């Protein structure tokens, strides 16, 4: 997905989870690792670095010092988010126009919503390319392998990433009733990490996946153990809907 599409999908996901639309901006934070080139799709695309990224971005966008890790004003994250802050805001303005919802521009701090939106980038990126979400503990990438086989990956990359196809896809995303489900934000975070583990080849070990869940939810201030059967079913329904919408956008 391109960055505007990431924002639109995060917006809909946040709505299903009862979180603020303004948290959508955190879904494009992984774009920060475009520079330097050797960090691209690595540094900001792994769960272990999300606490620093989210804490720093909340400080920059909201002038707020959230609970969690301290903000290092000389860090890579701080420099990159500062440099790209106007770019991120311009993307949110475009997405806000598509959703017809100005509340996307209201960037009040919300730790769980930000954490959810940020993680959604990796989850939805599994349609773009393999994602090494569990580095450095596991190098095995997560991807929509069966979907790519069914559509011919390179033909898909050629045809889908045009403005015409992306516009049709975004329209389908905004109109889909798959988002009508009301799901718990922390449960959805846990379910997305589980799905990233399921989609990795070879599969990331249970210990690694469980460790990432514990670390990330702990950072977000949630330490309960709960089953997420409903959220996992939602993920599977959503993945089917995304594949359907991609197919319709390519016709």
Protein backbone atom coordinates (compact mmCIF):
# COMPACT_ATOMS: atom_id res chain seq x y z
CA UNK A 1 0.00 0.00 0.00
CA UNK A 2 1.16 3.54 -0.60
CA UNK A 3 1.28 5.97 2.33
CA UNK A 4 -2.11 7.59 1.76
CA UNK A 5 -3.71 4.15 1.55
CA UNK A 6 -2.01 3.17 4.81
CA UNK A 7 -3.61 6.22 6.42
CA UNK A 8 -7.06 5.42 5.05
CA UNK A 9 -6.87 1.82 6.26
CA UNK A 10 -5.55 2.86 9.68
CA UNK A 11 -8.40 5.36 9.93
CA UNK A 12 -10.98 2.62 9.34
CA UNK A 13 -9.23 0.21 11.72
CA UNK A 14 -9.07 2.84 14.46
CA UNK A 15 -12.79 3.41 14.03
CA UNK A 16 -13.51 -0.29 14.49
CA UNK A 17 -11.45 -0.21 17.69
CA UNK A 18 -13.01 2.95 19.12
CA UNK A 19 -9.81 5.00 18.84
CA UNK A 20 -9.30 8.58 17.69
CA UNK A 21 -9.01 9.24 13.94
CA UNK A 22 -6.09 11.60 14.66
CA UNK A 23 -3.94 8.60 15.60
CA UNK A 24 -3.89 7.61 11.91
CA UNK A 25 -0.74 9.67 11.37
CA UNK A 26 1.34 7.08 13.24
CA UNK A 27 0.59 4.51 10.53
CA UNK A 28 3.07 6.24 8.20
CA UNK A 29 5.92 6.55 10.72
CA UNK A 30 7.77 3.57 9.15
CA UNK A 31 8.41 5.84 6.15
CA UNK A 32 11.13 7.48 8.26
CA UNK A 33 13.64 4.76 7.38
CA UNK A 34 13.75 5.81 3.72
CA UNK A 35 17.00 7.50 4.70
CA UNK A 36 19.72 6.27 4.87
CA UNK A 37 19.13 3.66 2.14
CA UNK A 38 20.61 0.78 4.16
CA UNK A 39 17.89 1.29 6.80
CA UNK A 40 15.02 1.21 4.29
CA UNK A 41 12.24 -1.25 5.23
CA UNK A 42 14.34 -2.53 8.11
CA UNK A 43 14.88 -0.10 11.00
CA UNK A 44 11.37 1.35 11.21
CA UNK A 45 9.65 -1.85 10.09
CA UNK A 46 10.47 -3.97 13.15
CA UNK A 47 8.35 -4.12 16.30
CA UNK A 48 11.33 -3.75 18.65
CA UNK A 49 11.88 -0.14 17.54
CA UNK A 50 8.24 0.93 17.79
CA UNK A 51 8.32 2.21 21.41
CA UNK A 52 11.07 4.74 20.63
CA UNK A 53 9.38 5.77 17.38
CA UNK A 54 5.96 6.21 18.93
CA UNK A 55 7.21 8.06 22.00
CA UNK A 56 9.28 10.43 19.85
CA UNK A 57 6.50 11.07 17.34
CA UNK A 58 3.96 11.77 20.09
CA UNK A 59 6.32 14.38 21.50
CA UNK A 60 6.90 16.01 18.10
CA UNK A 61 3.31 15.98 16.78
CA UNK A 62 1.50 16.66 20.07
CA UNK A 63 4.14 18.48 22.15
CA UNK A 64 3.48 15.80 24.71
CA UNK A 65 5.78 13.60 26.78
CA UNK A 66 3.95 10.28 27.00
CA UNK A 67 4.53 7.52 29.49
CA UNK A 68 7.13 5.02 28.34
CA UNK A 69 10.63 5.52 27.03
CA UNK A 70 12.23 8.96 27.37
CA UNK A 71 12.58 11.05 24.22
CA UNK A 72 16.17 11.34 23.00
CA UNK A 73 16.38 14.69 21.22
CA UNK A 74 19.56 13.57 19.43
CA UNK A 75 18.28 10.21 18.22
CA UNK A 76 17.85 8.93 14.68
CA UNK A 77 14.07 8.83 15.22
CA UNK A 78 13.92 12.42 16.41
CA UNK A 79 15.98 13.72 13.48
CA UNK A 80 14.06 11.76 10.84
CA UNK A 81 10.56 12.53 12.15
CA UNK A 82 11.43 16.21 12.45
CA UNK A 83 12.74 16.29 8.88
CA UNK A 84 9.68 14.50 7.51
CA UNK A 85 7.02 16.05 9.77
CA UNK A 86 5.60 18.30 7.05
CA UNK A 87 5.53 15.34 4.68
CA UNK A 88 3.53 13.29 7.19
CA UNK A 89 1.09 16.14 7.75
CA UNK A 90 0.61 16.60 3.99
CA UNK A 91 -0.26 12.90 3.70
CA UNK A 92 -2.81 13.19 6.51
CA UNK A 93 -4.43 16.16 4.76
CA UNK A 94 -4.83 14.07 1.59
CA UNK A 95 -6.28 11.16 3.56
CA UNK A 96 -8.59 13.50 5.46
CA UNK A 97 -9.99 14.76 2.16
CA UNK A 98 -10.61 11.18 1.01
CA UNK A 99 -12.38 10.20 4.23
CA UNK A 100 -14.16 13.55 4.48
CA UNK A 101 -13.21 13.64 8.14
CA UNK A 102 -11.28 16.62 9.48
CA UNK A 103 -10.81 14.87 12.82
CA UNK A 104 -7.88 13.03 11.23
CA UNK A 105 -6.03 16.33 11.61
CA UNK A 106 -6.67 16.50 15.36
CA UNK A 107 -3.42 15.01 16.63
CA UNK A 108 -4.18 14.67 20.32
CA UNK A 109 -1.99 12.10 22.11
CA UNK A 110 -3.46 8.61 22.37
CA UNK A 111 -0.94 5.91 23.14
CA UNK A 112 -3.05 2.84 22.31
CA UNK A 113 -4.41 4.38 19.10
CA UNK A 114 -0.91 5.37 18.03
CA UNK A 115 0.39 1.91 18.83
CA UNK A 116 -2.43 0.31 16.86
CA UNK A 117 -1.96 2.55 13.82
CA UNK A 118 1.82 2.09 13.82
CA UNK A 119 1.56 -1.70 13.95
CA UNK A 120 -1.07 -1.68 11.19
CA UNK A 121 1.62 -0.48 8.80
CA UNK A 122 3.51 -3.76 9.13
CA UNK A 123 0.33 -5.82 8.97
CA UNK A 124 -0.94 -4.15 5.80
CA UNK A 125 2.57 -4.09 4.33
CA UNK A 126 2.41 -7.89 4.10
CA UNK A 127 0.53 -7.26 0.83
CA UNK A 128 3.37 -5.08 -0.51
CA UNK A 129 6.48 -7.10 0.18
CA UNK A 130 7.95 -9.47 2.78
CA UNK A 131 8.24 -7.77 6.19
CA UNK A 132 10.87 -8.75 8.77
CA UNK A 133 8.78 -7.66 11.75
CA UNK A 134 10.60 -9.80 14.33
CA UNK A 135 14.18 -8.68 13.75
CA UNK A 136 16.65 -9.09 15.37
CA UNK A 137 15.19 -12.20 17.03
CA UNK A 138 13.95 -13.79 13.80
CA UNK A 139 14.96 -13.00 10.23
CA UNK A 140 12.02 -14.85 8.67
CA UNK A 141 9.77 -12.45 6.72
CA UNK A 142 5.99 -12.23 6.84
CA UNK A 143 4.00 -11.92 3.64
CA UNK A 144 0.77 -12.81 1.87
CA UNK A 145 2.49 -15.69 0.11
CA UNK A 146 -0.64 -17.56 -1.04
CA UNK A 147 -2.19 -14.36 -2.37
CA UNK A 148 0.95 -13.47 -4.30
CA UNK A 149 1.04 -16.93 -5.89
CA UNK A 150 -2.58 -16.60 -6.97
CA UNK A 151 -2.15 -13.22 -8.68
CA UNK A 152 1.47 -13.39 -9.95
CA UNK A 153 3.41 -11.11 -7.62
CA UNK A 154 5.22 -9.04 -10.24
CA UNK A 155 2.11 -8.48 -12.34
CA UNK A 156 0.34 -7.41 -9.17
CA UNK A 157 3.11 -4.93 -8.32
CA UNK A 158 2.97 -3.51 -11.83
CA UNK A 159 -0.80 -3.10 -12.07
CA UNK A 160 -1.91 -2.28 -8.54
CA UNK A 161 0.48 0.58 -7.80
CA UNK A 162 -1.12 3.05 -10.19
CA UNK A 163 -3.26 5.95 -9.05
CA UNK A 164 -6.30 4.52 -10.83
CA UNK A 165 -6.10 1.15 -9.07
CA UNK A 166 -5.20 2.66 -5.70
CA UNK A 167 -8.11 5.12 -5.91
CA UNK A 168 -10.55 2.30 -6.60
CA UNK A 169 -9.05 0.26 -3.76
CA UNK A 170 -9.32 3.14 -1.28
CA UNK A 171 -12.94 3.70 -2.30
CA UNK A 172 -13.66 0.04 -1.66
CA UNK A 173 -11.93 0.20 1.72
CA UNK A 174 -13.99 3.20 2.81
CA UNK A 175 -17.27 1.62 1.70
CA UNK A 176 -16.63 -1.91 3.01
CA UNK A 177 -18.83 -3.19 5.84
CA UNK A 178 -15.98 -5.37 7.19
CA UNK A 179 -15.16 -2.48 9.53
CA UNK A 180 -18.59 -2.64 11.19
CA UNK A 181 -17.20 -5.09 13.74
CA UNK A 182 -16.41 -3.53 17.10
CA UNK A 183 -13.17 -4.93 18.45
CA UNK A 184 -10.85 -4.20 21.37
CA UNK A 185 -7.73 -2.17 20.44
CA UNK A 186 -5.33 -4.14 22.64
CA UNK A 187 -6.80 -7.39 21.38
CA UNK A 188 -6.34 -6.22 17.81
CA UNK A 189 -2.70 -5.35 18.47
CA UNK A 190 -2.11 -8.83 19.85
CA UNK A 191 -3.97 -10.42 16.93
CA UNK A 192 -1.94 -8.51 14.32
CA UNK A 193 1.33 -9.65 15.88
CA UNK A 194 0.05 -13.23 15.92
CA UNK A 195 -0.91 -12.93 12.25
CA UNK A 196 2.53 -11.55 11.40
CA UNK A 197 3.95 -14.66 13.02
CA UNK A 198 1.52 -16.93 11.15
CA UNK A 199 2.41 -15.26 7.85
CA UNK A 200 6.18 -15.64 8.29
CA UNK A 201 8.07 -18.32 6.37
CA UNK A 202 9.37 -20.33 8.09
CA UNK A 203 6.99 -19.49 10.92
CA UNK A 204 8.48 -17.41 13.72
CA UNK A 205 8.61 -19.40 16.93
CA UNK A 206 5.83 -19.10 19.49
CA UNK A 207 8.35 -17.79 22.04
CA UNK A 208 9.43 -14.91 19.80
CA UNK A 209 5.89 -13.93 18.84
CA UNK A 210 4.71 -14.09 22.45
CA UNK A 211 7.72 -12.06 23.58
CA UNK A 212 6.97 -9.28 21.07
CA UNK A 213 3.33 -9.22 22.16
CA UNK A 214 4.37 -8.88 25.80
CA UNK A 215 6.95 -6.18 25.11
CA UNK A 216 4.71 -4.04 22.91
CA UNK A 217 1.55 -4.31 25.00
CA UNK A 218 3.62 -3.73 28.14
CA UNK A 219 4.95 -0.50 26.64
CA UNK A 220 1.38 0.53 25.85
CA UNK A 221 0.44 -0.07 29.49
CA UNK A 222 -1.54 -3.28 29.04
CA UNK A 223 -0.46 -6.37 30.95
CA UNK A 224 -3.54 -8.61 30.92
CA UNK A 225 -3.56 -11.99 29.23
CA UNK A 226 -6.71 -12.45 27.16
CA UNK A 227 -7.81 -14.69 24.32
CA UNK A 228 -8.21 -12.88 21.01
CA UNK A 229 -10.30 -15.36 19.02
CA UNK A 230 -12.68 -12.62 17.88
CA UNK A 231 -9.88 -10.31 16.82
CA UNK A 232 -8.08 -13.10 14.95
CA UNK A 233 -11.28 -13.92 13.07
CA UNK A 234 -11.64 -10.25 12.23
CA UNK A 235 -8.08 -10.27 10.84
CA UNK A 236 -8.86 -13.25 8.61
CA UNK A 237 -12.10 -11.66 7.41
CA UNK A 238 -10.25 -8.42 6.75
CA UNK A 239 -7.53 -10.19 4.78
CA UNK A 240 -10.14 -11.84 2.55
CA UNK A 241 -11.82 -8.48 2.03
CA UNK A 242 -8.51 -6.82 1.12
CA UNK A 243 -7.79 -9.53 -1.46
CA UNK A 244 -11.27 -9.08 -2.92
CA UNK A 245 -10.90 -5.30 -3.10
CA UNK A 246 -7.47 -5.59 -4.71
CA UNK A 247 -8.93 -7.91 -7.34
CA UNK A 248 -11.80 -5.53 -8.06
CA UNK A 249 -9.43 -2.57 -8.36
CA UNK A 250 -7.39 -4.42 -10.99
CA UNK A 251 -10.33 -5.25 -13.27
